[in-house]
Protein backbone atom coordinates (compact mmCIF):
# COMPACT_ATOMS: atom_id res chain seq x y z
CA UNK A 1 89.63 -71.35 -19.85
CA UNK A 2 91.06 -67.83 -19.81
CA UNK A 3 91.06 -67.71 -16.00
CA UNK A 4 92.79 -71.08 -15.77
CA UNK A 5 95.47 -69.92 -18.22
CA UNK A 6 96.00 -66.74 -16.19
CA UNK A 7 96.18 -68.61 -12.86
CA UNK A 8 98.64 -71.14 -14.28
CA UNK A 9 100.79 -68.41 -15.81
CA UNK A 10 100.71 -66.34 -12.62
CA UNK A 11 101.70 -69.35 -10.50
CA UNK A 12 104.58 -70.14 -12.85
CA UNK A 13 105.65 -66.50 -12.92
CA UNK A 14 105.64 -66.21 -9.13
CA UNK A 15 107.37 -69.55 -8.65
CA UNK A 16 109.97 -69.19 -11.34
CA UNK A 17 110.31 -65.43 -11.74
CA UNK A 18 112.33 -65.39 -14.89
CA UNK A 19 113.73 -68.35 -16.73
CA UNK A 20 116.94 -68.44 -18.72
CA UNK A 21 116.91 -70.86 -21.61
CA UNK A 22 119.46 -71.12 -24.40
CA UNK A 23 120.81 -67.58 -23.94
CA UNK A 24 117.48 -65.76 -23.96
CA UNK A 25 115.52 -64.55 -20.98
CA UNK A 26 111.85 -65.33 -20.42
CA UNK A 27 110.16 -62.74 -18.28
CA UNK A 28 106.55 -62.24 -19.40
CA UNK A 29 103.46 -64.37 -18.90
CA UNK A 30 103.06 -64.94 -22.65
CA UNK A 31 106.68 -66.07 -22.90
CA UNK A 32 106.08 -68.65 -20.18
CA UNK A 33 103.13 -70.08 -22.06
CA UNK A 34 104.77 -70.03 -25.50
CA UNK A 35 104.94 -73.71 -26.61
CA UNK A 36 107.95 -73.18 -28.88
CA UNK A 37 110.10 -72.62 -25.79
CA UNK A 38 109.60 -76.29 -24.99
CA UNK A 39 109.41 -77.91 -28.42
CA UNK A 40 110.96 -77.65 -31.85
CA UNK A 41 108.77 -77.62 -34.98
CA UNK A 42 110.03 -80.18 -37.49
CA UNK A 43 108.61 -80.85 -40.93
CA UNK A 44 109.60 -82.79 -43.99
CA UNK A 45 108.69 -85.31 -46.68
CA UNK A 46 109.00 -89.09 -46.46
CA UNK A 47 109.55 -90.99 -49.71
CA UNK A 48 110.29 -94.51 -50.93
CA UNK A 49 114.07 -94.81 -51.51
CA UNK A 50 113.66 -97.05 -54.55
CA UNK A 51 110.96 -95.08 -56.41
CA UNK A 52 111.12 -91.57 -54.95
CA UNK A 53 107.33 -91.65 -54.51
CA UNK A 54 105.86 -90.09 -51.35
CA UNK A 55 104.77 -92.51 -48.62
CA UNK A 56 101.24 -91.80 -47.43
CA UNK A 57 100.54 -92.70 -43.79
CA UNK A 58 104.12 -93.18 -42.58
CA UNK A 59 104.46 -92.69 -38.81
CA UNK A 60 106.90 -90.12 -37.43
CA UNK A 61 107.35 -90.06 -33.66
CA UNK A 62 109.61 -89.11 -30.78
CA UNK A 63 107.49 -90.95 -28.19
CA UNK A 64 104.07 -92.58 -27.99
CA UNK A 65 102.48 -89.21 -27.20
CA UNK A 66 104.50 -87.14 -29.70
CA UNK A 67 103.61 -88.53 -33.11
CA UNK A 68 102.08 -87.79 -36.48
CA UNK A 69 101.57 -89.35 -39.92
CA UNK A 70 102.42 -88.21 -43.42
CA UNK A 71 99.65 -86.80 -45.61
CA UNK A 72 98.82 -87.64 -49.24
CA UNK A 73 102.00 -85.83 -50.37
CA UNK A 74 104.29 -87.63 -47.89
CA UNK A 75 104.56 -84.41 -45.85
CA UNK A 76 104.48 -84.15 -42.07
CA UNK A 77 104.88 -81.56 -39.32
CA UNK A 78 105.58 -82.31 -35.67
CA UNK A 79 106.39 -80.24 -32.58
CA UNK A 80 109.05 -82.27 -30.76
CA UNK A 81 109.82 -81.45 -27.11
CA UNK A 82 113.41 -80.27 -26.69
CA UNK A 83 114.25 -83.24 -24.45
CA UNK A 84 114.05 -85.55 -27.47
CA UNK A 85 117.13 -85.71 -29.68
CA UNK A 86 115.82 -88.09 -32.34
CA UNK A 87 112.71 -89.11 -34.22
CA UNK A 88 111.68 -92.49 -35.60
CA UNK A 89 110.04 -93.09 -38.97
CA UNK A 90 108.11 -96.28 -39.75
CA UNK A 91 105.75 -97.71 -42.31
CA UNK A 92 104.51 -101.27 -42.87
CA UNK A 93 106.75 -103.10 -45.31
CA UNK A 94 109.68 -100.69 -44.84
CA UNK A 95 112.68 -100.61 -42.53
CA UNK A 96 112.27 -98.41 -39.46
CA UNK A 97 114.80 -95.59 -39.22
CA UNK A 98 116.07 -93.42 -36.37
CA UNK A 99 117.07 -89.85 -37.29
CA UNK A 100 119.04 -87.46 -35.08
CA UNK A 101 117.38 -84.03 -35.02
CA UNK A 102 120.60 -82.03 -34.47
CA UNK A 103 118.72 -78.71 -34.41
CA UNK A 104 117.24 -79.19 -37.90
CA UNK A 105 113.75 -77.93 -38.66
CA UNK A 106 113.38 -79.77 -41.98
CA UNK A 107 114.04 -83.50 -42.08
CA UNK A 108 113.35 -85.23 -45.40
CA UNK A 109 114.01 -88.98 -45.42
CA UNK A 110 113.43 -92.01 -47.59
CA UNK A 111 112.45 -95.46 -46.38
CA UNK A 112 113.90 -98.68 -47.77
CA UNK A 113 111.54 -101.56 -48.44
CA UNK A 114 112.11 -104.61 -46.23
CA UNK A 115 113.57 -107.68 -47.92
CA UNK A 116 110.87 -110.03 -49.18
CA UNK A 117 111.39 -113.59 -47.97
């Protein structure tokens, strides 16, 4: 695994040289492999808007491959690739919401129960 990581990093370094991203310069092999250059860590708590209780098992996602669920405290943490500008939060029996990230690292939201017919 170490050799593969080195070969990949070396190939990227040779191909790209140095990368400029958001006003900082990437010029070392470790910088090229640093995942936070390509994603933003977001965390928060999801609650029920009517009761304030945490929602256990709510889904938070930016795409089908970038997703997580809340734990027993309603907390979540997700590394969202920088190309995504919003996340979606869903749970059975509640209205789905779309939230703009806008550079935030903490996004706490509440879900509203769907109307019962």
